[in-house]
Amino acid sequence: MGLTRPTGRQLELALYLFGGAMLWQWAAMRIVPPAPSRGSAEVIALPVITVVLLIVSAAVCEEILHRGYPLTRLAELTGRPWIGYVLTVPIFVAPHVATFGPSWLWTSGAGTLALYVLYARTRNLPACMMLHLCLNLPMLIPTIAARL
């Protein structure tokens, strides 16, 4: 499943992918601003510590449940790693779209792509967890701003 300490090159790739995903998200939100979503409003309304815990637990749990275990296991079972990607991407995307709305695909889909690319290139789950954490941390900005 790839639970080893990330190398410098793996972390470097994660940072490049993070930069690309954030650049895409910024540009996408400027081109077609997303409508407010119920999911974002619910997260922002939570206490800051709860949002921090949500971000950390999502980074760890979603990486294990959506990339680490199923991609490794499906590749072992089928002998074709691409089958795991075809099956797990919709399972990862569906609850995010249901929670944050269809505009999530346009604005945050690049982050999902970055996570799958990083796992495909490195097979290192902790590097993916760190990237996922970084991709979700900007949610703290409106959460904290709502309390000012």
C-alpha atoms as a PDB file:
ATOM      1  CA  MET A   1       0.000   0.000   0.000  1.00  0.00           C
ATOM      2  CA  GLY A   2       3.006   2.330   0.199  1.00  0.00           C
ATOM      3  CA  LEU A   3       3.198   3.299   3.872  1.00  0.00           C
ATOM      4  CA  THR A   4       6.841   4.342   3.822  1.00  0.00           C
ATOM      5  CA  ARG A   5       8.388   7.683   4.630  1.00  0.00           C
ATOM      6  CA  PRO A   6       8.204   9.955   1.563  1.00  0.00           C
ATOM      7  CA  THR A   7      11.444  10.812  -0.182  1.00  0.00           C
ATOM      8  CA  GLY A   8      12.464  14.347  -1.026  1.00  0.00           C
ATOM      9  CA  ARG A   9      11.564  13.766  -4.682  1.00  0.00           C
ATOM     10  CA  GLN A  10       8.112  12.483  -3.768  1.00  0.00           C
ATOM     11  CA  LEU A  11       7.470  15.526  -1.589  1.00  0.00           C
ATOM     12  CA  GLU A  12       8.790  17.782  -4.334  1.00  0.00           C
ATOM     13  CA  LEU A  13       6.328  16.233  -6.785  1.00  0.00           C
ATOM     14  CA  ALA A  14       3.550  16.679  -4.212  1.00  0.00           C
ATOM     15  CA  LEU A  15       4.420  20.383  -3.911  1.00  0.00           C
ATOM     16  CA  TYR A  16       4.419  20.870  -7.678  1.00  0.00           C
ATOM     17  CA  LEU A  17       1.055  19.130  -7.931  1.00  0.00           C
ATOM     18  CA  PHE A  18      -0.272  21.249  -5.060  1.00  0.00           C
ATOM     19  CA  GLY A  19       0.849  24.420  -6.839  1.00  0.00           C
ATOM     20  CA  GLY A  20      -0.767  23.316 -10.087  1.00  0.00           C
ATOM     21  CA  ALA A  21      -4.036  22.375  -8.376  1.00  0.00           C
ATOM     22  CA  MET A  22      -4.187  25.656  -6.449  1.00  0.00           C
ATOM     23  CA  LEU A  23      -3.406  27.648  -9.591  1.00  0.00           C
ATOM     24  CA  TRP A  24      -6.188  25.820 -11.443  1.00  0.00           C
ATOM     25  CA  GLN A  25      -8.627  26.355  -8.581  1.00  0.00           C
ATOM     26  CA  TRP A  26      -7.828  30.062  -8.399  1.00  0.00           C
ATOM     27  CA  ALA A  27      -8.226  30.494 -12.179  1.00  0.00           C
ATOM     28  CA  ALA A  28     -11.392  28.366 -12.327  1.00  0.00           C
ATOM     29  CA  MET A  29     -13.011  30.372  -9.547  1.00  0.00           C
ATOM     30  CA  ARG A  30     -12.200  33.616 -11.367  1.00  0.00           C
ATOM     31  CA  ILE A  31     -13.534  32.397 -14.707  1.00  0.00           C
ATOM     32  CA  VAL A  32     -16.756  30.825 -13.400  1.00  0.00           C
ATOM     33  CA  PRO A  33     -17.321  31.628  -9.727  1.00  0.00           C
ATOM     34  CA  PRO A  34     -19.014  28.681  -8.000  1.00  0.00           C
ATOM     35  CA  ALA A  35     -22.422  29.092  -6.434  1.00  0.00           C
ATOM     36  CA  PRO A  36     -22.459  28.883  -2.638  1.00  0.00           C
ATOM     37  CA  SER A  37     -22.845  25.285  -1.524  1.00  0.00           C
ATOM     38  CA  ARG A  38     -24.654  23.841   1.445  1.00  0.00           C
ATOM     39  CA  GLY A  39     -21.639  21.650   2.230  1.00  0.00           C
ATOM     40  CA  SER A  40     -19.205  24.556   2.379  1.00  0.00           C
ATOM     41  CA  ALA A  41     -21.583  26.553   4.581  1.00  0.00           C
ATOM     42  CA  GLU A  42     -21.943  23.607   6.956  1.00  0.00           C
ATOM     43  CA  VAL A  43     -18.183  23.134   7.224  1.00  0.00           C
ATOM     44  CA  ILE A  44     -17.531  26.851   7.730  1.00  0.00           C
ATOM     45  CA  ALA A  45     -20.143  26.941  10.518  1.00  0.00           C
ATOM     46  CA  LEU A  46     -18.302  24.261  12.506  1.00  0.00           C
ATOM     47  CA  PRO A  47     -15.881  25.246  15.288  1.00  0.00           C
ATOM     48  CA  VAL A  48     -12.350  25.856  13.996  1.00  0.00           C
ATOM     49  CA  ILE A  49     -10.883  22.895  15.901  1.00  0.00           C
ATOM     50  CA  THR A  50     -13.540  20.631  14.397  1.00  0.00           C
ATOM     51  CA  VAL A  51     -12.624  21.806  10.886  1.00  0.00           C
ATOM     52  CA  VAL A  52      -8.933  21.165  11.622  1.00  0.00           C
ATOM     53  CA  LEU A  53      -9.757  17.640  12.801  1.00  0.00           C
ATOM     54  CA  LEU A  54     -12.005  17.120   9.766  1.00  0.00           C
ATOM     55  CA  ILE A  55      -9.218  18.200   7.410  1.00  0.00           C
ATOM     56  CA  VAL A  56      -6.638  15.927   9.040  1.00  0.00           C
ATOM     57  CA  SER A  57      -8.945  12.916   9.284  1.00  0.00           C
ATOM     58  CA  ALA A  58     -10.118  13.368   5.676  1.00  0.00           C
ATOM     59  CA  ALA A  59      -6.523  13.460   4.459  1.00  0.00           C
ATOM     60  CA  VAL A  60      -5.641  10.229   6.248  1.00  0.00           C
ATOM     61  CA  CYS A  61      -8.873   8.256   5.877  1.00  0.00           C
ATOM     62  CA  GLU A  62      -9.730   9.209   2.298  1.00  0.00           C
ATOM     63  CA  GLU A  63      -6.233   8.340   1.108  1.00  0.00           C
ATOM     64  CA  ILE A  64      -6.395   4.891   2.669  1.00  0.00           C
ATOM     65  CA  LEU A  65      -9.988   4.232   1.580  1.00  0.00           C
ATOM     66  CA  HIS A  66      -9.865   5.708  -1.925  1.00  0.00           C
ATOM     67  CA  ARG A  67      -6.280   5.244  -3.067  1.00  0.00           C
ATOM     68  CA  GLY A  68      -4.082   3.101  -0.843  1.00  0.00           C
ATOM     69  CA  TYR A  69      -6.075  -0.049  -0.271  1.00  0.00           C
ATOM     70  CA  PRO A  70      -8.402  -0.248  -3.291  1.00  0.00           C
ATOM     71  CA  LEU A  71      -5.821   0.678  -5.939  1.00  0.00           C
ATOM     72  CA  THR A  72      -3.303  -1.808  -4.562  1.00  0.00           C
ATOM     73  CA  ARG A  73      -5.849  -4.582  -4.095  1.00  0.00           C
ATOM     74  CA  LEU A  74      -7.575  -4.131  -7.460  1.00  0.00           C
ATOM     75  CA  ALA A  75      -4.197  -4.133  -9.231  1.00  0.00           C
ATOM     76  CA  GLU A  76      -3.342  -7.396  -7.453  1.00  0.00           C
ATOM     77  CA  LEU A  77      -6.712  -8.980  -8.284  1.00  0.00           C
ATOM     78  CA  THR A  78      -6.931  -7.920 -11.919  1.00  0.00           C
ATOM     79  CA  GLY A  79      -3.313  -7.478 -12.932  1.00  0.00           C
ATOM     80  CA  ARG A  80      -4.393  -4.152 -14.466  1.00  0.00           C
ATOM     81  CA  PRO A  81      -3.727  -1.096 -12.272  1.00  0.00           C
ATOM     82  CA  TRP A  82      -5.889   1.181 -14.460  1.00  0.00           C
ATOM     83  CA  ILE A  83      -9.032  -0.709 -13.425  1.00  0.00           C
ATOM     84  CA  GLY A  84      -8.556   0.533  -9.871  1.00  0.00           C
ATOM     85  CA  TYR A  85      -8.431   4.124 -11.069  1.00  0.00           C
ATOM     86  CA  VAL A  86     -11.537   3.744 -13.224  1.00  0.00           C
ATOM     87  CA  LEU A  87     -13.472   2.264 -10.307  1.00  0.00           C
ATOM     88  CA  THR A  88     -12.239   4.469  -7.456  1.00  0.00           C
ATOM     89  CA  VAL A  89     -12.355   7.927  -9.046  1.00  0.00           C
ATOM     90  CA  PRO A  90     -16.180   8.033  -9.242  1.00  0.00           C
ATOM     91  CA  ILE A  91     -16.459   6.646  -5.705  1.00  0.00           C
ATOM     92  CA  PHE A  92     -14.179   9.444  -4.446  1.00  0.00           C
ATOM     93  CA  VAL A  93     -15.797  12.193  -6.516  1.00  0.00           C
ATOM     94  CA  ALA A  94     -19.482  11.371  -5.914  1.00  0.00           C
ATOM     95  CA  PRO A  95     -19.725  12.314  -2.219  1.00  0.00           C
ATOM     96  CA  HIS A  96     -17.703  15.483  -2.816  1.00  0.00           C
ATOM     97  CA  VAL A  97     -20.050  16.586  -5.599  1.00  0.00           C
ATOM     98  CA  ALA A  98     -23.073  15.643  -3.459  1.00  0.00           C
ATOM     99  CA  THR A  99     -21.730  17.725  -0.571  1.00  0.00           C
ATOM    100  CA  PHE A 100     -20.157  20.695  -2.347  1.00  0.00           C
ATOM    101  CA  GLY A 101     -22.163  20.785  -5.573  1.00  0.00           C
ATOM    102  CA  PRO A 102     -21.272  20.171  -9.224  1.00  0.00           C
ATOM    103  CA  SER A 103     -18.978  23.204  -9.335  1.00  0.00           C
ATOM    104  CA  TRP A 104     -16.628  21.210  -7.078  1.00  0.00           C
ATOM    105  CA  LEU A 105     -15.562  19.251 -10.186  1.00  0.00           C
ATOM    106  CA  TRP A 106     -14.632  22.462 -12.003  1.00  0.00           C
ATOM    107  CA  THR A 107     -12.836  24.104  -9.097  1.00  0.00           C
ATOM    108  CA  SER A 108     -11.397  21.197  -7.093  1.00  0.00           C
ATOM    109  CA  GLY A 109     -11.223  18.404  -9.631  1.00  0.00           C
ATOM    110  CA  ALA A 110      -7.611  19.327 -10.335  1.00  0.00           C
ATOM    111  CA  GLY A 111      -6.800  18.461  -6.720  1.00  0.00           C
ATOM    112  CA  THR A 112      -8.339  15.034  -7.196  1.00  0.00           C
ATOM    113  CA  LEU A 113      -6.314  14.560 -10.364  1.00  0.00           C
ATOM    114  CA  ALA A 114      -3.175  15.644  -8.478  1.00  0.00           C
ATOM    115  CA  LEU A 115      -3.812  13.055  -5.746  1.00  0.00           C
ATOM    116  CA  TYR A 116      -4.260  10.226  -8.239  1.00  0.00           C
ATOM    117  CA  VAL A 117      -1.208  11.298 -10.264  1.00  0.00           C
ATOM    118  CA  LEU A 118       0.925  11.456  -7.122  1.00  0.00           C
ATOM    119  CA  TYR A 119      -0.167   7.985  -6.041  1.00  0.00           C
ATOM    120  CA  ALA A 120       0.313   6.546  -9.522  1.00  0.00           C
ATOM    121  CA  ARG A 121       3.828   8.004  -9.753  1.00  0.00           C
ATOM    122  CA  THR A 122       5.036   7.325  -6.209  1.00  0.00           C
ATOM    123  CA  ARG A 123       2.843   4.634  -4.619  1.00  0.00           C
ATOM    124  CA  ASN A 124       3.502   6.568  -1.398  1.00  0.00           C
ATOM    125  CA  LEU A 125       0.419   7.060   0.747  1.00  0.00           C
ATOM    126  CA  PRO A 126       1.952   9.456   3.318  1.00  0.00           C
ATOM    127  CA  ALA A 127       2.970  11.797   0.463  1.00  0.00           C
ATOM    128  CA  CYS A 128      -0.636  11.647  -0.786  1.00  0.00           C
ATOM    129  CA  MET A 129      -1.914  12.321   2.719  1.00  0.00           C
ATOM    130  CA  MET A 130       0.289  15.396   2.960  1.00  0.00           C
ATOM    131  CA  LEU A 131      -0.891  16.653  -0.439  1.00  0.00           C
ATOM    132  CA  HIS A 132      -4.519  16.009   0.525  1.00  0.00           C
ATOM    133  CA  LEU A 133      -3.979  17.907   3.779  1.00  0.00           C
ATOM    134  CA  CYS A 134      -2.520  20.862   1.880  1.00  0.00           C
ATOM    135  CA  LEU A 135      -5.376  20.835  -0.636  1.00  0.00           C
ATOM    136  CA  ASN A 136      -7.960  20.946   2.170  1.00  0.00           C
ATOM    137  CA  LEU A 137      -6.227  23.482   4.448  1.00  0.00           C
ATOM    138  CA  PRO A 138      -7.569  26.532   2.545  1.00  0.00           C
ATOM    139  CA  MET A 139     -10.997  25.641   3.972  1.00  0.00           C
ATOM    140  CA  LEU A 140      -9.676  27.147   7.204  1.00  0.00           C
ATOM    141  CA  ILE A 141      -9.573  30.622   5.638  1.00  0.00           C
ATOM    142  CA  PRO A 142     -13.360  31.152   5.418  1.00  0.00           C
ATOM    143  CA  THR A 143     -13.844  29.188   8.644  1.00  0.00           C
ATOM    144  CA  ILE A 144     -11.608  31.560  10.587  1.00  0.00           C
ATOM    145  CA  ALA A 145     -12.804  34.636   8.654  1.00  0.00           C
ATOM    146  CA  ALA A 146     -16.402  33.869   9.644  1.00  0.00           C
ATOM    147  CA  ARG A 147     -15.408  34.361  13.266  1.00  0.00           C
ATOM    148  CA  LEU A 148     -13.691  37.738  12.830  1.00  0.00           C
END
